[in-house]
Amino acid sequence: MAKQFPELDDGQRKFIEEQHMFFVGTAAPDGRVNISPKGMDSLRVLGPNRIAWMNLTGSGNETAGHLLEANRMTLMWCSFTTRPMILRTYGTARTLHVGDDGWDELANLFPDHRSARQIYDLDIDVVQTSCGYAVPFMEYQSERDTMQKWVDGKSDEQIQSYWVEKNHQTIDGKPTRTRP
């Protein structure tokens, strides 16, 4: 049932754009594997072999730490509506921070987020689709406003302090290089 492709086609791109959430998977050579759900308006398909997503403040920062040691990344989307399908993109990613070459160009593709920690630029080497027959039906209601309310209640300095306190190490104690 699973099929592999060397790049995203127009139908797969449309499928990605229709989904309200995606999952990111990363792993350092040792330690824990991390899988995180992502949402909001934080992902852009930039071509058949390129995706960028803006990583916003969160309770952890595993992806950043993992990519310092192994730049492998998998993104996954599941259809929770009428069309059963799972789509994964596999590749290597580079991390961009505010001030890095390329940050402004990519950041301009997204709504302005004061809580943006990084942008990940994924170079896709394999696309895989599978059936998704066991994925349940779920109905999308709306985006959560919890993070935005949290950010709105903080100064830039408070957000950066949070990064220093909560986001400078992975759960395995490895650095993430999050910039305050």
C-alpha atoms as a PDB file:
ATOM      1  CA  MET A   1       0.000   0.000   0.000  1.00  0.00           C
ATOM      2  CA  ALA A   2       2.840   2.447   0.700  1.00  0.00           C
ATOM      3  CA  LYS A   3       4.346   4.223  -2.289  1.00  0.00           C
ATOM      4  CA  GLN A   4       7.548   6.251  -2.507  1.00  0.00           C
ATOM      5  CA  PHE A   5       8.218   9.242  -4.732  1.00  0.00           C
ATOM      6  CA  PRO A   6      11.336  11.364  -5.341  1.00  0.00           C
ATOM      7  CA  GLU A   7       9.401  14.618  -4.841  1.00  0.00           C
ATOM      8  CA  LEU A   8       6.014  16.108  -4.021  1.00  0.00           C
ATOM      9  CA  ASP A   9       3.527  16.308  -6.856  1.00  0.00           C
ATOM     10  CA  ASP A  10       0.695  18.853  -7.112  1.00  0.00           C
ATOM     11  CA  GLY A  11      -1.864  16.495  -5.525  1.00  0.00           C
ATOM     12  CA  GLN A  12       0.392  15.786  -2.549  1.00  0.00           C
ATOM     13  CA  ARG A  13       1.087  19.481  -2.115  1.00  0.00           C
ATOM     14  CA  LYS A  14      -2.655  20.195  -2.109  1.00  0.00           C
ATOM     15  CA  PHE A  15      -3.143  17.429   0.475  1.00  0.00           C
ATOM     16  CA  ILE A  16      -0.522  19.050   2.747  1.00  0.00           C
ATOM     17  CA  GLU A  17      -2.116  22.469   2.372  1.00  0.00           C
ATOM     18  CA  GLU A  18      -5.536  21.047   3.340  1.00  0.00           C
ATOM     19  CA  GLN A  19      -4.309  19.637   6.667  1.00  0.00           C
ATOM     20  CA  HIS A  20      -4.616  21.662   9.867  1.00  0.00           C
ATOM     21  CA  MET A  21      -1.753  19.935  11.640  1.00  0.00           C
ATOM     22  CA  PHE A  22       1.379  17.946  10.971  1.00  0.00           C
ATOM     23  CA  PHE A  23       3.915  16.000  12.979  1.00  0.00           C
ATOM     24  CA  VAL A  24       7.694  16.396  13.020  1.00  0.00           C
ATOM     25  CA  GLY A  25      10.014  13.528  13.917  1.00  0.00           C
ATOM     26  CA  THR A  26      13.720  13.828  14.725  1.00  0.00           C
ATOM     27  CA  ALA A  27      16.348  11.841  16.604  1.00  0.00           C
ATOM     28  CA  ALA A  28      19.944  12.397  17.623  1.00  0.00           C
ATOM     29  CA  PRO A  29      22.313   9.421  17.165  1.00  0.00           C
ATOM     30  CA  ASP A  30      21.537   8.437  20.759  1.00  0.00           C
ATOM     31  CA  GLY A  31      18.835   9.382  23.239  1.00  0.00           C
ATOM     32  CA  ARG A  32      15.130   9.706  22.691  1.00  0.00           C
ATOM     33  CA  VAL A  33      13.258   9.986  19.416  1.00  0.00           C
ATOM     34  CA  ASN A  34      10.931  12.994  19.353  1.00  0.00           C
ATOM     35  CA  ILE A  35       7.596  13.353  17.586  1.00  0.00           C
ATOM     36  CA  SER A  36       5.767  16.661  17.966  1.00  0.00           C
ATOM     37  CA  PRO A  37       2.410  17.862  16.648  1.00  0.00           C
ATOM     38  CA  LYS A  38       2.482  21.260  14.958  1.00  0.00           C
ATOM     39  CA  GLY A  39      -0.213  23.610  13.767  1.00  0.00           C
ATOM     40  CA  MET A  40      -1.067  27.244  13.215  1.00  0.00           C
ATOM     41  CA  ASP A  41       0.038  28.919  10.004  1.00  0.00           C
ATOM     42  CA  SER A  42       3.623  27.694  10.315  1.00  0.00           C
ATOM     43  CA  LEU A  43       4.429  25.601   7.222  1.00  0.00           C
ATOM     44  CA  ARG A  44       5.132  26.387   3.574  1.00  0.00           C
ATOM     45  CA  VAL A  45       5.767  24.030   0.685  1.00  0.00           C
ATOM     46  CA  LEU A  46       8.441  25.870  -1.307  1.00  0.00           C
ATOM     47  CA  GLY A  47       8.871  23.378  -4.125  1.00  0.00           C
ATOM     48  CA  PRO A  48       8.735  19.681  -4.956  1.00  0.00           C
ATOM     49  CA  ASN A  49      11.702  18.975  -2.660  1.00  0.00           C
ATOM     50  CA  ARG A  50      11.582  21.788  -0.131  1.00  0.00           C
ATOM     51  CA  ILE A  51       9.444  22.664   2.886  1.00  0.00           C
ATOM     52  CA  ALA A  52      10.000  25.373   5.482  1.00  0.00           C
ATOM     53  CA  TRP A  53       8.296  25.567   8.831  1.00  0.00           C
ATOM     54  CA  MET A  54       8.525  28.169  11.546  1.00  0.00           C
ATOM     55  CA  ASN A  55       9.006  26.719  15.001  1.00  0.00           C
ATOM     56  CA  LEU A  56       7.187  28.684  17.656  1.00  0.00           C
ATOM     57  CA  THR A  57       7.752  28.742  21.408  1.00  0.00           C
ATOM     58  CA  GLY A  58       6.899  25.516  23.144  1.00  0.00           C
ATOM     59  CA  SER A  59       7.514  23.585  26.308  1.00  0.00           C
ATOM     60  CA  GLY A  60      10.533  21.824  24.801  1.00  0.00           C
ATOM     61  CA  ASN A  61      12.918  22.212  21.896  1.00  0.00           C
ATOM     62  CA  GLU A  62      13.943  18.689  20.939  1.00  0.00           C
ATOM     63  CA  THR A  63      14.064  19.288  17.184  1.00  0.00           C
ATOM     64  CA  ALA A  64      16.710  21.992  17.543  1.00  0.00           C
ATOM     65  CA  GLY A  65      18.921  19.801  19.697  1.00  0.00           C
ATOM     66  CA  HIS A  66      18.561  16.750  17.494  1.00  0.00           C
ATOM     67  CA  LEU A  67      19.419  18.642  14.325  1.00  0.00           C
ATOM     68  CA  LEU A  68      22.712  19.800  15.847  1.00  0.00           C
ATOM     69  CA  GLU A  69      23.799  16.142  15.870  1.00  0.00           C
ATOM     70  CA  ALA A  70      21.876  14.570  12.977  1.00  0.00           C
ATOM     71  CA  ASN A  71      20.042  16.718  10.456  1.00  0.00           C
ATOM     72  CA  ARG A  72      17.450  14.042   9.601  1.00  0.00           C
ATOM     73  CA  MET A  73      13.811  15.076   9.744  1.00  0.00           C
ATOM     74  CA  THR A  74      10.488  13.470   8.904  1.00  0.00           C
ATOM     75  CA  LEU A  75       7.254  15.430   8.524  1.00  0.00           C
ATOM     76  CA  MET A  76       3.927  13.579   8.533  1.00  0.00           C
ATOM     77  CA  TRP A  77       0.341  14.547   7.745  1.00  0.00           C
ATOM     78  CA  CYS A  78      -2.777  12.426   8.317  1.00  0.00           C
ATOM     79  CA  SER A  79      -6.169  13.014   6.826  1.00  0.00           C
ATOM     80  CA  PHE A  80      -8.860  12.970   9.497  1.00  0.00           C
ATOM     81  CA  THR A  81     -11.612  13.684   6.953  1.00  0.00           C
ATOM     82  CA  THR A  82     -13.023  11.849   3.949  1.00  0.00           C
ATOM     83  CA  ARG A  83      -9.831  10.902   2.119  1.00  0.00           C
ATOM     84  CA  PRO A  84      -7.833   8.268   4.030  1.00  0.00           C
ATOM     85  CA  MET A  85      -4.141   9.007   3.519  1.00  0.00           C
ATOM     86  CA  ILE A  86      -0.902   9.462   5.414  1.00  0.00           C
ATOM     87  CA  LEU A  87       1.881  11.433   3.742  1.00  0.00           C
ATOM     88  CA  ARG A  88       5.472  11.602   4.976  1.00  0.00           C
ATOM     89  CA  THR A  89       8.413  13.625   3.728  1.00  0.00           C
ATOM     90  CA  TYR A  90      11.901  12.440   4.646  1.00  0.00           C
ATOM     91  CA  GLY A  91      15.015  14.527   4.308  1.00  0.00           C
ATOM     92  CA  THR A  92      17.650  16.703   5.865  1.00  0.00           C
ATOM     93  CA  ALA A  93      16.989  20.043   7.486  1.00  0.00           C
ATOM     94  CA  ARG A  94      18.964  23.110   8.346  1.00  0.00           C
ATOM     95  CA  THR A  95      18.116  25.385  11.248  1.00  0.00           C
ATOM     96  CA  LEU A  96      17.874  29.150  10.867  1.00  0.00           C
ATOM     97  CA  HIS A  97      17.723  31.659  13.721  1.00  0.00           C
ATOM     98  CA  VAL A  98      16.959  35.358  13.681  1.00  0.00           C
ATOM     99  CA  GLY A  99      19.976  37.068  12.125  1.00  0.00           C
ATOM    100  CA  ASP A 100      21.131  34.026  10.122  1.00  0.00           C
ATOM    101  CA  ASP A 101      21.535  34.304   6.354  1.00  0.00           C
ATOM    102  CA  GLY A 102      18.196  33.319   4.860  1.00  0.00           C
ATOM    103  CA  TRP A 103      16.103  34.022   7.971  1.00  0.00           C
ATOM    104  CA  ASP A 104      14.455  37.186   6.651  1.00  0.00           C
ATOM    105  CA  GLU A 105      13.625  35.622   3.290  1.00  0.00           C
ATOM    106  CA  LEU A 106      11.885  32.648   4.905  1.00  0.00           C
ATOM    107  CA  ALA A 107      10.346  34.558   7.833  1.00  0.00           C
ATOM    108  CA  ASN A 108       8.608  36.858   5.348  1.00  0.00           C
ATOM    109  CA  LEU A 109       6.613  33.836   4.123  1.00  0.00           C
ATOM    110  CA  PHE A 110       4.851  33.515   7.490  1.00  0.00           C
ATOM    111  CA  PRO A 111       2.690  35.722   9.687  1.00  0.00           C
ATOM    112  CA  ASP A 112       4.811  37.671  12.153  1.00  0.00           C
ATOM    113  CA  HIS A 113       5.266  35.664  15.368  1.00  0.00           C
ATOM    114  CA  ARG A 114       7.140  37.196  18.299  1.00  0.00           C
ATOM    115  CA  SER A 115       7.606  33.658  19.600  1.00  0.00           C
ATOM    116  CA  ALA A 116       9.417  32.272  16.532  1.00  0.00           C
ATOM    117  CA  ARG A 117      12.479  30.345  17.768  1.00  0.00           C
ATOM    118  CA  GLN A 118      13.727  28.832  14.517  1.00  0.00           C
ATOM    119  CA  ILE A 119      12.815  28.146  10.938  1.00  0.00           C
ATOM    120  CA  TYR A 120      13.592  24.683   9.642  1.00  0.00           C
ATOM    121  CA  ASP A 121      14.358  24.337   5.942  1.00  0.00           C
ATOM    122  CA  LEU A 122      13.772  20.726   4.858  1.00  0.00           C
ATOM    123  CA  ASP A 123      15.403  19.288   1.742  1.00  0.00           C
ATOM    124  CA  ILE A 124      13.183  16.327   0.821  1.00  0.00           C
ATOM    125  CA  ASP A 125      14.762  13.172  -0.583  1.00  0.00           C
ATOM    126  CA  VAL A 126      11.780  10.806  -0.310  1.00  0.00           C
ATOM    127  CA  VAL A 127       8.010  11.285  -0.193  1.00  0.00           C
ATOM    128  CA  GLN A 128       5.871   8.373   0.982  1.00  0.00           C
ATOM    129  CA  THR A 129       2.131   7.913   0.986  1.00  0.00           C
ATOM    130  CA  SER A 130       0.216   5.158   2.739  1.00  0.00           C
ATOM    131  CA  CYS A 131      -3.438   4.300   3.169  1.00  0.00           C
ATOM    132  CA  GLY A 132      -4.421   5.785   6.520  1.00  0.00           C
ATOM    133  CA  TYR A 133      -7.365   3.394   6.769  1.00  0.00           C
ATOM    134  CA  ALA A 134      -7.021   3.166  10.569  1.00  0.00           C
ATOM    135  CA  VAL A 135      -6.825   6.934  11.136  1.00  0.00           C
ATOM    136  CA  PRO A 136     -10.078   8.036  12.807  1.00  0.00           C
ATOM    137  CA  PHE A 137     -12.436  10.680  11.502  1.00  0.00           C
ATOM    138  CA  MET A 138     -12.155  13.960  13.396  1.00  0.00           C
ATOM    139  CA  GLU A 139     -13.721  17.308  12.794  1.00  0.00           C
ATOM    140  CA  TYR A 140     -11.638  20.482  12.755  1.00  0.00           C
ATOM    141  CA  GLN A 141     -13.155  23.222  14.890  1.00  0.00           C
ATOM    142  CA  SER A 142     -10.602  26.010  15.043  1.00  0.00           C
ATOM    143  CA  GLU A 143      -7.059  26.978  15.950  1.00  0.00           C
ATOM    144  CA  ARG A 144      -6.312  27.259  19.659  1.00  0.00           C
ATOM    145  CA  ASP A 145      -5.565  30.764  20.839  1.00  0.00           C
ATOM    146  CA  THR A 146      -3.755  29.605  23.992  1.00  0.00           C
ATOM    147  CA  MET A 147      -0.216  30.191  22.714  1.00  0.00           C
ATOM    148  CA  GLN A 148      -1.046  33.576  21.240  1.00  0.00           C
ATOM    149  CA  LYS A 149      -2.646  34.698  24.514  1.00  0.00           C
ATOM    150  CA  TRP A 150       0.468  33.511  26.385  1.00  0.00           C
ATOM    151  CA  VAL A 151       2.751  35.411  23.985  1.00  0.00           C
ATOM    152  CA  ASP A 152       0.566  38.534  24.124  1.00  0.00           C
ATOM    153  CA  GLY A 153       0.899  38.519  27.915  1.00  0.00           C
ATOM    154  CA  LYS A 154       4.713  38.472  27.776  1.00  0.00           C
ATOM    155  CA  SER A 155       7.333  41.023  26.847  1.00  0.00           C
ATOM    156  CA  ASP A 156      10.044  40.032  24.363  1.00  0.00           C
ATOM    157  CA  GLU A 157      12.443  39.802  27.311  1.00  0.00           C
ATOM    158  CA  GLN A 158      10.097  37.422  29.161  1.00  0.00           C
ATOM    159  CA  ILE A 159       9.802  35.176  26.101  1.00  0.00           C
ATOM    160  CA  GLN A 160      13.571  35.081  25.740  1.00  0.00           C
ATOM    161  CA  SER A 161      13.952  34.298  29.454  1.00  0.00           C
ATOM    162  CA  TYR A 162      11.528  31.422  29.001  1.00  0.00           C
ATOM    163  CA  TRP A 163      13.711  30.098  26.169  1.00  0.00           C
ATOM    164  CA  VAL A 164      16.782  30.260  28.412  1.00  0.00           C
ATOM    165  CA  GLU A 165      14.940  28.468  31.224  1.00  0.00           C
ATOM    166  CA  LYS A 166      12.965  25.869  29.236  1.00  0.00           C
ATOM    167  CA  ASN A 167      14.420  25.519  25.740  1.00  0.00           C
ATOM    168  CA  HIS A 168      18.231  25.447  25.985  1.00  0.00           C
ATOM    169  CA  GLN A 169      18.496  21.678  26.522  1.00  0.00           C
ATOM    170  CA  THR A 170      16.756  18.609  25.199  1.00  0.00           C
ATOM    171  CA  ILE A 171      15.217  16.169  27.653  1.00  0.00           C
ATOM    172  CA  ASP A 172      18.461  14.184  27.240  1.00  0.00           C
ATOM    173  CA  GLY A 173      20.459  17.231  28.428  1.00  0.00           C
ATOM    174  CA  LYS A 174      21.909  18.153  25.040  1.00  0.00           C
ATOM    175  CA  PRO A 175      22.191  21.786  23.879  1.00  0.00           C
ATOM    176  CA  THR A 176      19.667  23.296  21.486  1.00  0.00           C
ATOM    177  CA  ARG A 177      21.439  26.596  20.759  1.00  0.00           C
ATOM    178  CA  THR A 178      18.200  28.514  21.061  1.00  0.00           C
ATOM    179  CA  ARG A 179      19.128  32.148  20.869  1.00  0.00           C
ATOM    180  CA  PRO A 180      17.643  34.452  23.474  1.00  0.00           C
END
